[in-house]
């Protein structure tokens, strides 16, 4: 399993790169001021960071108990990303509606858009991170 340092490096790099991508794209896509989307994205990132740390630890723990390894194939990564985003969706939708002064329906559509973006981003980022920082246990299994 990954060390605490590795998990912190993972979370921080994931969020910084994600914010740099989602803020201008979100402002453009939703016709909202960049500042509002930036602040909203930063708050969401803090919530997502906390959830990411807890969720990934629990996911890896469950994976280790069930399969004896933390190695993830393509389908496992897709399921991992979907479950992560579903948890965030439930918490963030009401916050987005209140912060931007939009309806819950609009917030749901916006949150789903953010979730779809982040699912694709998480898949690519985590694959790249695992390639850049592989665990020794993966070498033994290969």
N, C-alpha and C. Protein backbone atom coordinates (compact mmCIF):
# COMPACT_ATOMS: atom_id res chain seq x y z
N UNK A 1 0.85 -1.19 0.00
CA UNK A 1 0.00 0.00 0.00
C UNK A 1 0.88 1.24 0.00
N UNK A 2 0.31 2.32 -0.41
CA UNK A 2 1.05 3.58 -0.48
C UNK A 2 1.26 4.17 0.92
N UNK A 3 2.38 4.87 1.07
CA UNK A 3 2.69 5.53 2.34
C UNK A 3 1.85 6.80 2.48
N UNK A 4 1.82 7.34 3.69
CA UNK A 4 1.10 8.59 3.92
C UNK A 4 1.69 9.71 3.06
N UNK A 5 3.02 9.79 3.00
CA UNK A 5 3.66 10.81 2.16
C UNK A 5 3.22 10.68 0.71
N UNK A 6 3.21 9.46 0.20
CA UNK A 6 2.82 9.22 -1.19
C UNK A 6 1.36 9.63 -1.41
N UNK A 7 0.49 9.30 -0.47
CA UNK A 7 -0.93 9.67 -0.59
C UNK A 7 -1.11 11.18 -0.58
N UNK A 8 -0.35 11.87 0.26
CA UNK A 8 -0.43 13.33 0.31
C UNK A 8 0.08 13.94 -0.99
N UNK A 9 1.20 13.44 -1.51
CA UNK A 9 1.73 13.92 -2.79
C UNK A 9 0.70 13.69 -3.91
N UNK A 10 0.07 12.53 -3.89
CA UNK A 10 -0.95 12.18 -4.88
C UNK A 10 -2.11 13.17 -4.83
N UNK A 11 -2.65 13.39 -3.65
CA UNK A 11 -3.83 14.25 -3.48
C UNK A 11 -3.51 15.69 -3.87
N UNK A 12 -2.39 16.22 -3.41
CA UNK A 12 -2.05 17.61 -3.70
C UNK A 12 -1.82 17.81 -5.20
N UNK A 13 -1.07 16.93 -5.83
CA UNK A 13 -0.82 17.10 -7.27
C UNK A 13 -2.11 16.92 -8.07
N UNK A 14 -2.95 15.98 -7.66
CA UNK A 14 -4.24 15.78 -8.34
C UNK A 14 -5.08 17.05 -8.29
N UNK A 15 -5.19 17.66 -7.13
CA UNK A 15 -6.05 18.83 -6.97
C UNK A 15 -5.49 20.07 -7.66
N UNK A 16 -4.19 20.28 -7.59
CA UNK A 16 -3.61 21.47 -8.24
C UNK A 16 -3.80 21.41 -9.75
N UNK A 17 -3.49 20.27 -10.34
CA UNK A 17 -3.65 20.13 -11.79
C UNK A 17 -5.13 20.22 -12.16
N UNK A 18 -5.99 19.57 -11.37
CA UNK A 18 -7.43 19.62 -11.62
C UNK A 18 -7.98 21.04 -11.59
N UNK A 19 -7.58 21.83 -10.58
CA UNK A 19 -8.05 23.22 -10.49
C UNK A 19 -7.58 24.05 -11.68
N UNK A 20 -6.36 23.84 -12.09
CA UNK A 20 -5.82 24.59 -13.23
C UNK A 20 -6.60 24.28 -14.51
N UNK A 21 -7.14 23.09 -14.60
CA UNK A 21 -7.92 22.72 -15.79
C UNK A 21 -9.40 23.11 -15.67
N UNK A 22 -10.01 22.84 -14.52
CA UNK A 22 -11.47 22.97 -14.41
C UNK A 22 -11.94 24.43 -14.26
N UNK A 23 -11.14 25.30 -13.68
CA UNK A 23 -11.60 26.68 -13.47
C UNK A 23 -11.89 27.40 -14.78
N UNK A 24 -10.95 27.48 -15.70
CA UNK A 24 -11.28 28.18 -16.95
C UNK A 24 -12.32 27.43 -17.78
N UNK A 25 -12.25 26.09 -17.79
CA UNK A 25 -13.23 25.32 -18.55
C UNK A 25 -14.64 25.49 -17.97
N UNK A 26 -14.76 25.47 -16.65
CA UNK A 26 -16.06 25.64 -16.00
C UNK A 26 -16.64 27.02 -16.22
N UNK A 27 -15.81 28.05 -16.13
CA UNK A 27 -16.28 29.42 -16.36
C UNK A 27 -16.82 29.57 -17.78
N UNK A 28 -16.11 28.99 -18.72
CA UNK A 28 -16.53 29.05 -20.12
C UNK A 28 -17.79 28.23 -20.36
N UNK A 29 -17.83 27.01 -19.86
CA UNK A 29 -18.95 26.11 -20.12
C UNK A 29 -20.25 26.57 -19.47
N UNK A 30 -20.17 27.18 -18.28
CA UNK A 30 -21.38 27.53 -17.53
C UNK A 30 -21.67 29.02 -17.54
N UNK A 31 -20.90 29.77 -18.31
CA UNK A 31 -21.10 31.21 -18.43
C UNK A 31 -21.19 31.88 -17.05
N UNK A 32 -20.24 31.53 -16.22
CA UNK A 32 -20.14 32.10 -14.87
C UNK A 32 -18.81 32.83 -14.78
N UNK A 33 -18.74 33.82 -13.89
CA UNK A 33 -17.45 34.51 -13.72
C UNK A 33 -16.35 33.54 -13.27
N UNK A 34 -15.18 33.74 -13.82
CA UNK A 34 -14.04 32.87 -13.49
C UNK A 34 -13.79 32.88 -11.98
N UNK A 35 -13.93 34.03 -11.32
CA UNK A 35 -13.71 34.11 -9.88
C UNK A 35 -14.69 33.20 -9.13
N UNK A 36 -15.98 33.25 -9.50
CA UNK A 36 -16.97 32.39 -8.83
C UNK A 36 -16.66 30.91 -9.04
N UNK A 37 -16.33 30.54 -10.26
CA UNK A 37 -16.00 29.14 -10.53
C UNK A 37 -14.70 28.77 -9.83
N UNK A 38 -13.75 29.69 -9.79
CA UNK A 38 -12.49 29.42 -9.09
C UNK A 38 -12.68 29.20 -7.60
N UNK A 39 -13.47 30.07 -6.96
CA UNK A 39 -13.74 29.91 -5.52
C UNK A 39 -14.51 28.62 -5.28
N UNK A 40 -15.55 28.40 -6.08
CA UNK A 40 -16.35 27.18 -5.96
C UNK A 40 -15.46 25.96 -6.14
N UNK A 41 -14.62 25.97 -7.16
CA UNK A 41 -13.73 24.84 -7.44
C UNK A 41 -12.75 24.62 -6.29
N UNK A 42 -12.25 25.70 -5.70
CA UNK A 42 -11.30 25.56 -4.59
C UNK A 42 -11.98 24.94 -3.37
N UNK A 43 -13.21 25.35 -3.07
CA UNK A 43 -13.94 24.77 -1.94
C UNK A 43 -14.24 23.30 -2.22
N UNK A 44 -14.69 23.04 -3.44
CA UNK A 44 -14.95 21.65 -3.82
C UNK A 44 -13.67 20.83 -3.71
N UNK A 45 -12.54 21.42 -4.09
CA UNK A 45 -11.26 20.71 -4.03
C UNK A 45 -10.89 20.34 -2.59
N UNK A 46 -11.18 21.22 -1.64
CA UNK A 46 -10.88 20.92 -0.24
C UNK A 46 -11.73 19.73 0.23
N UNK A 47 -13.03 19.78 -0.09
CA UNK A 47 -13.92 18.67 0.27
C UNK A 47 -13.46 17.39 -0.44
N UNK A 48 -13.16 17.51 -1.74
CA UNK A 48 -12.74 16.35 -2.52
C UNK A 48 -11.40 15.80 -2.01
N UNK A 49 -10.51 16.67 -1.57
CA UNK A 49 -9.22 16.23 -1.06
C UNK A 49 -9.39 15.38 0.19
N UNK A 50 -10.23 15.85 1.09
CA UNK A 50 -10.48 15.08 2.31
C UNK A 50 -11.12 13.73 1.96
N UNK A 51 -12.11 13.78 1.07
CA UNK A 51 -12.79 12.56 0.64
C UNK A 51 -11.81 11.63 -0.08
N UNK A 52 -10.94 12.20 -0.91
CA UNK A 52 -9.96 11.43 -1.67
C UNK A 52 -9.05 10.65 -0.73
N UNK A 53 -8.55 11.31 0.30
CA UNK A 53 -7.64 10.67 1.23
C UNK A 53 -8.32 9.50 1.94
N UNK A 54 -9.52 9.73 2.44
CA UNK A 54 -10.27 8.69 3.16
C UNK A 54 -10.70 7.58 2.20
N UNK A 55 -11.30 7.97 1.08
CA UNK A 55 -11.84 7.01 0.12
C UNK A 55 -10.76 6.09 -0.44
N UNK A 56 -9.63 6.66 -0.87
CA UNK A 56 -8.57 5.83 -1.46
C UNK A 56 -7.95 4.89 -0.44
N UNK A 57 -7.82 5.34 0.80
CA UNK A 57 -7.31 4.45 1.83
C UNK A 57 -8.26 3.27 2.04
N UNK A 58 -9.55 3.58 2.19
CA UNK A 58 -10.53 2.52 2.41
C UNK A 58 -10.65 1.60 1.20
N UNK A 59 -10.60 2.17 -0.01
CA UNK A 59 -10.67 1.37 -1.22
C UNK A 59 -9.48 0.42 -1.32
N UNK A 60 -8.27 0.94 -1.07
CA UNK A 60 -7.08 0.09 -1.11
C UNK A 60 -7.11 -0.98 -0.02
N UNK A 61 -7.61 -0.63 1.14
CA UNK A 61 -7.73 -1.60 2.22
C UNK A 61 -8.69 -2.73 1.82
N UNK A 62 -9.84 -2.36 1.26
CA UNK A 62 -10.81 -3.36 0.82
C UNK A 62 -10.24 -4.21 -0.31
N UNK A 63 -9.54 -3.57 -1.24
CA UNK A 63 -8.94 -4.29 -2.36
C UNK A 63 -7.88 -5.28 -1.87
N UNK A 64 -7.07 -4.85 -0.92
CA UNK A 64 -6.04 -5.73 -0.36
C UNK A 64 -6.67 -6.93 0.34
N UNK A 65 -7.73 -6.68 1.09
CA UNK A 65 -8.40 -7.79 1.79
C UNK A 65 -9.07 -8.74 0.81
N UNK A 66 -9.68 -8.19 -0.23
CA UNK A 66 -10.42 -9.02 -1.19
C UNK A 66 -9.51 -9.75 -2.18
N UNK A 67 -8.47 -9.02 -2.68
CA UNK A 67 -7.65 -9.58 -3.75
C UNK A 67 -6.19 -9.80 -3.38
N UNK A 68 -5.78 -9.28 -2.22
CA UNK A 68 -4.39 -9.43 -1.81
C UNK A 68 -3.43 -8.46 -2.46
N UNK A 69 -3.95 -7.45 -3.16
CA UNK A 69 -3.11 -6.47 -3.85
C UNK A 69 -3.88 -5.16 -4.02
N UNK A 70 -3.15 -4.09 -4.28
CA UNK A 70 -3.78 -2.81 -4.60
C UNK A 70 -3.71 -2.52 -6.09
N UNK A 71 -3.18 -3.44 -6.88
CA UNK A 71 -3.10 -3.24 -8.33
C UNK A 71 -4.52 -3.16 -8.91
N UNK A 72 -4.72 -2.19 -9.81
CA UNK A 72 -6.04 -1.96 -10.39
C UNK A 72 -5.97 -2.04 -11.91
N UNK A 73 -6.88 -2.81 -12.49
CA UNK A 73 -7.00 -2.86 -13.94
C UNK A 73 -7.94 -1.76 -14.42
N UNK A 74 -8.21 -1.75 -15.70
CA UNK A 74 -9.05 -0.71 -16.29
C UNK A 74 -10.45 -0.65 -15.72
N UNK A 75 -11.14 -1.79 -15.63
CA UNK A 75 -12.50 -1.80 -15.10
C UNK A 75 -12.54 -1.41 -13.64
N UNK A 76 -11.57 -1.85 -12.87
CA UNK A 76 -11.50 -1.48 -11.45
C UNK A 76 -11.32 0.02 -11.31
N UNK A 77 -10.51 0.62 -12.17
CA UNK A 77 -10.29 2.07 -12.12
C UNK A 77 -11.57 2.83 -12.47
N UNK A 78 -12.34 2.32 -13.41
CA UNK A 78 -13.60 2.97 -13.77
C UNK A 78 -14.57 2.91 -12.58
N UNK A 79 -14.71 1.74 -11.98
CA UNK A 79 -15.57 1.62 -10.80
C UNK A 79 -15.10 2.49 -9.66
N UNK A 80 -13.80 2.55 -9.45
CA UNK A 80 -13.19 3.39 -8.42
C UNK A 80 -13.59 4.85 -8.63
N UNK A 81 -13.46 5.34 -9.85
CA UNK A 81 -13.78 6.74 -10.16
C UNK A 81 -15.27 7.03 -10.00
N UNK A 82 -16.12 6.12 -10.45
CA UNK A 82 -17.58 6.33 -10.36
C UNK A 82 -18.02 6.41 -8.90
N UNK A 83 -17.56 5.48 -8.08
CA UNK A 83 -17.93 5.50 -6.66
C UNK A 83 -17.43 6.76 -5.96
N UNK A 84 -16.23 7.18 -6.30
CA UNK A 84 -15.69 8.40 -5.71
C UNK A 84 -16.57 9.60 -6.04
N UNK A 85 -16.90 9.77 -7.30
CA UNK A 85 -17.69 10.92 -7.74
C UNK A 85 -19.13 10.87 -7.22
N UNK A 86 -19.71 9.70 -7.09
CA UNK A 86 -21.08 9.57 -6.55
C UNK A 86 -21.14 10.09 -5.12
N UNK A 87 -20.13 9.79 -4.33
CA UNK A 87 -20.08 10.30 -2.95
C UNK A 87 -19.99 11.81 -2.91
N UNK A 88 -19.19 12.38 -3.78
CA UNK A 88 -19.07 13.84 -3.83
C UNK A 88 -20.37 14.50 -4.31
N UNK A 89 -21.01 13.91 -5.28
CA UNK A 89 -22.24 14.47 -5.85
C UNK A 89 -23.30 14.70 -4.78
N UNK A 90 -23.47 13.74 -3.91
CA UNK A 90 -24.49 13.84 -2.87
C UNK A 90 -24.23 15.02 -1.93
N UNK A 91 -22.99 15.31 -1.66
CA UNK A 91 -22.65 16.38 -0.72
C UNK A 91 -22.60 17.75 -1.40
N UNK A 92 -22.10 17.78 -2.62
CA UNK A 92 -21.79 19.07 -3.26
C UNK A 92 -22.95 19.74 -3.97
N UNK A 93 -23.92 18.99 -4.46
CA UNK A 93 -25.01 19.59 -5.23
C UNK A 93 -25.73 20.72 -4.48
N UNK A 94 -26.16 20.51 -3.24
CA UNK A 94 -26.83 21.61 -2.53
C UNK A 94 -25.91 22.82 -2.32
N UNK A 95 -24.64 22.56 -2.04
CA UNK A 95 -23.69 23.66 -1.85
C UNK A 95 -23.55 24.50 -3.11
N UNK A 96 -23.43 23.85 -4.26
CA UNK A 96 -23.29 24.57 -5.53
C UNK A 96 -24.51 25.45 -5.79
N UNK A 97 -25.70 24.92 -5.54
CA UNK A 97 -26.94 25.68 -5.77
C UNK A 97 -26.97 26.93 -4.92
N UNK A 98 -26.64 26.80 -3.66
CA UNK A 98 -26.68 27.95 -2.75
C UNK A 98 -25.58 28.95 -3.12
N UNK A 99 -24.37 28.49 -3.34
CA UNK A 99 -23.25 29.39 -3.61
C UNK A 99 -23.46 30.21 -4.89
N UNK A 100 -23.94 29.58 -5.94
CA UNK A 100 -24.12 30.29 -7.21
C UNK A 100 -25.52 30.89 -7.37
N UNK A 101 -26.41 30.60 -6.43
CA UNK A 101 -27.78 31.12 -6.52
C UNK A 101 -28.53 30.54 -7.71
N UNK A 102 -28.36 29.25 -7.93
CA UNK A 102 -29.02 28.58 -9.06
C UNK A 102 -29.94 27.49 -8.51
N UNK A 103 -30.78 26.96 -9.37
CA UNK A 103 -31.70 25.91 -8.93
C UNK A 103 -30.94 24.61 -8.64
N UNK A 104 -31.61 23.74 -7.91
CA UNK A 104 -31.01 22.43 -7.64
C UNK A 104 -30.80 21.65 -8.94
N UNK A 105 -31.72 21.81 -9.88
CA UNK A 105 -31.57 21.14 -11.18
C UNK A 105 -30.31 21.63 -11.90
N UNK A 106 -30.12 22.97 -11.93
CA UNK A 106 -28.92 23.52 -12.56
C UNK A 106 -27.67 23.06 -11.83
N UNK A 107 -27.75 23.03 -10.50
CA UNK A 107 -26.60 22.57 -9.71
C UNK A 107 -26.31 21.10 -10.00
N UNK A 108 -27.37 20.31 -10.15
CA UNK A 108 -27.18 18.90 -10.47
C UNK A 108 -26.48 18.75 -11.81
N UNK A 109 -26.94 19.49 -12.82
CA UNK A 109 -26.32 19.41 -14.14
C UNK A 109 -24.87 19.87 -14.09
N UNK A 110 -24.60 20.93 -13.32
CA UNK A 110 -23.25 21.44 -13.19
C UNK A 110 -22.38 20.41 -12.45
N UNK A 111 -22.92 19.86 -11.38
CA UNK A 111 -22.17 18.88 -10.59
C UNK A 111 -21.90 17.62 -11.41
N UNK A 112 -22.88 17.18 -12.18
CA UNK A 112 -22.67 16.01 -13.05
C UNK A 112 -21.58 16.31 -14.08
N UNK A 113 -21.59 17.53 -14.62
CA UNK A 113 -20.55 17.92 -15.58
C UNK A 113 -19.17 17.90 -14.95
N UNK A 114 -19.08 18.47 -13.73
CA UNK A 114 -17.81 18.43 -13.00
C UNK A 114 -17.40 16.98 -12.73
N UNK A 115 -18.37 16.16 -12.33
CA UNK A 115 -18.08 14.76 -12.01
C UNK A 115 -17.58 14.01 -13.25
N UNK A 116 -18.23 14.23 -14.40
CA UNK A 116 -17.79 13.56 -15.63
C UNK A 116 -16.37 13.99 -16.00
N UNK A 117 -16.12 15.29 -15.87
CA UNK A 117 -14.77 15.78 -16.15
C UNK A 117 -13.77 15.11 -15.21
N UNK A 118 -14.09 15.11 -13.92
CA UNK A 118 -13.15 14.57 -12.94
C UNK A 118 -13.02 13.05 -13.01
N UNK A 119 -14.06 12.36 -13.46
CA UNK A 119 -13.90 10.91 -13.64
C UNK A 119 -12.88 10.62 -14.73
N UNK A 120 -13.01 11.32 -15.85
CA UNK A 120 -12.04 11.12 -16.94
C UNK A 120 -10.65 11.58 -16.49
N UNK A 121 -10.60 12.72 -15.84
CA UNK A 121 -9.33 13.25 -15.34
C UNK A 121 -8.70 12.29 -14.33
N UNK A 122 -9.51 11.77 -13.39
CA UNK A 122 -9.00 10.86 -12.36
C UNK A 122 -8.44 9.59 -12.99
N UNK A 123 -9.12 9.09 -14.00
CA UNK A 123 -8.64 7.87 -14.67
C UNK A 123 -7.25 8.13 -15.27
N UNK A 124 -7.12 9.21 -16.02
CA UNK A 124 -5.86 9.52 -16.68
C UNK A 124 -4.78 9.87 -15.65
N UNK A 125 -5.14 10.71 -14.67
CA UNK A 125 -4.16 11.11 -13.66
C UNK A 125 -3.66 9.91 -12.87
N UNK A 126 -4.57 9.08 -12.38
CA UNK A 126 -4.17 7.94 -11.54
C UNK A 126 -3.35 6.92 -12.33
N UNK A 127 -3.70 6.70 -13.59
CA UNK A 127 -2.91 5.82 -14.42
C UNK A 127 -1.49 6.38 -14.55
N UNK A 128 -1.39 7.67 -14.86
CA UNK A 128 -0.08 8.31 -15.00
C UNK A 128 0.71 8.29 -13.69
N UNK A 129 0.01 8.55 -12.59
CA UNK A 129 0.67 8.56 -11.28
C UNK A 129 1.22 7.17 -10.96
N UNK A 130 0.43 6.15 -11.21
CA UNK A 130 0.88 4.78 -10.95
C UNK A 130 2.06 4.40 -11.84
N UNK A 131 2.10 4.91 -13.04
CA UNK A 131 3.24 4.64 -13.93
C UNK A 131 4.48 5.40 -13.46
N UNK A 132 4.28 6.63 -12.98
CA UNK A 132 5.39 7.46 -12.52
C UNK A 132 5.93 7.01 -11.16
N UNK A 133 5.01 6.56 -10.28
CA UNK A 133 5.38 6.13 -8.93
C UNK A 133 4.83 4.73 -8.65
N UNK A 134 5.35 3.69 -9.32
CA UNK A 134 4.84 2.33 -9.09
C UNK A 134 5.25 1.81 -7.71
N UNK A 135 4.42 0.93 -7.18
CA UNK A 135 4.74 0.29 -5.91
C UNK A 135 5.59 -0.94 -6.16
N UNK A 136 6.52 -1.24 -5.25
CA UNK A 136 7.37 -2.43 -5.42
C UNK A 136 6.57 -3.73 -5.54
N UNK A 137 5.43 -3.82 -4.86
CA UNK A 137 4.65 -5.06 -4.90
C UNK A 137 4.15 -5.36 -6.32
N UNK A 138 3.99 -4.36 -7.14
CA UNK A 138 3.54 -4.57 -8.51
C UNK A 138 4.62 -5.24 -9.36
N UNK A 139 5.88 -4.95 -9.04
CA UNK A 139 7.01 -5.55 -9.75
C UNK A 139 7.05 -7.06 -9.50
N UNK A 140 6.78 -7.44 -8.26
CA UNK A 140 6.83 -8.85 -7.86
C UNK A 140 5.71 -9.63 -8.57
N UNK A 141 4.53 -9.04 -8.67
CA UNK A 141 3.39 -9.71 -9.28
C UNK A 141 3.54 -9.85 -10.78
N UNK A 142 4.24 -8.92 -11.41
CA UNK A 142 4.43 -8.97 -12.85
C UNK A 142 5.42 -10.05 -13.16
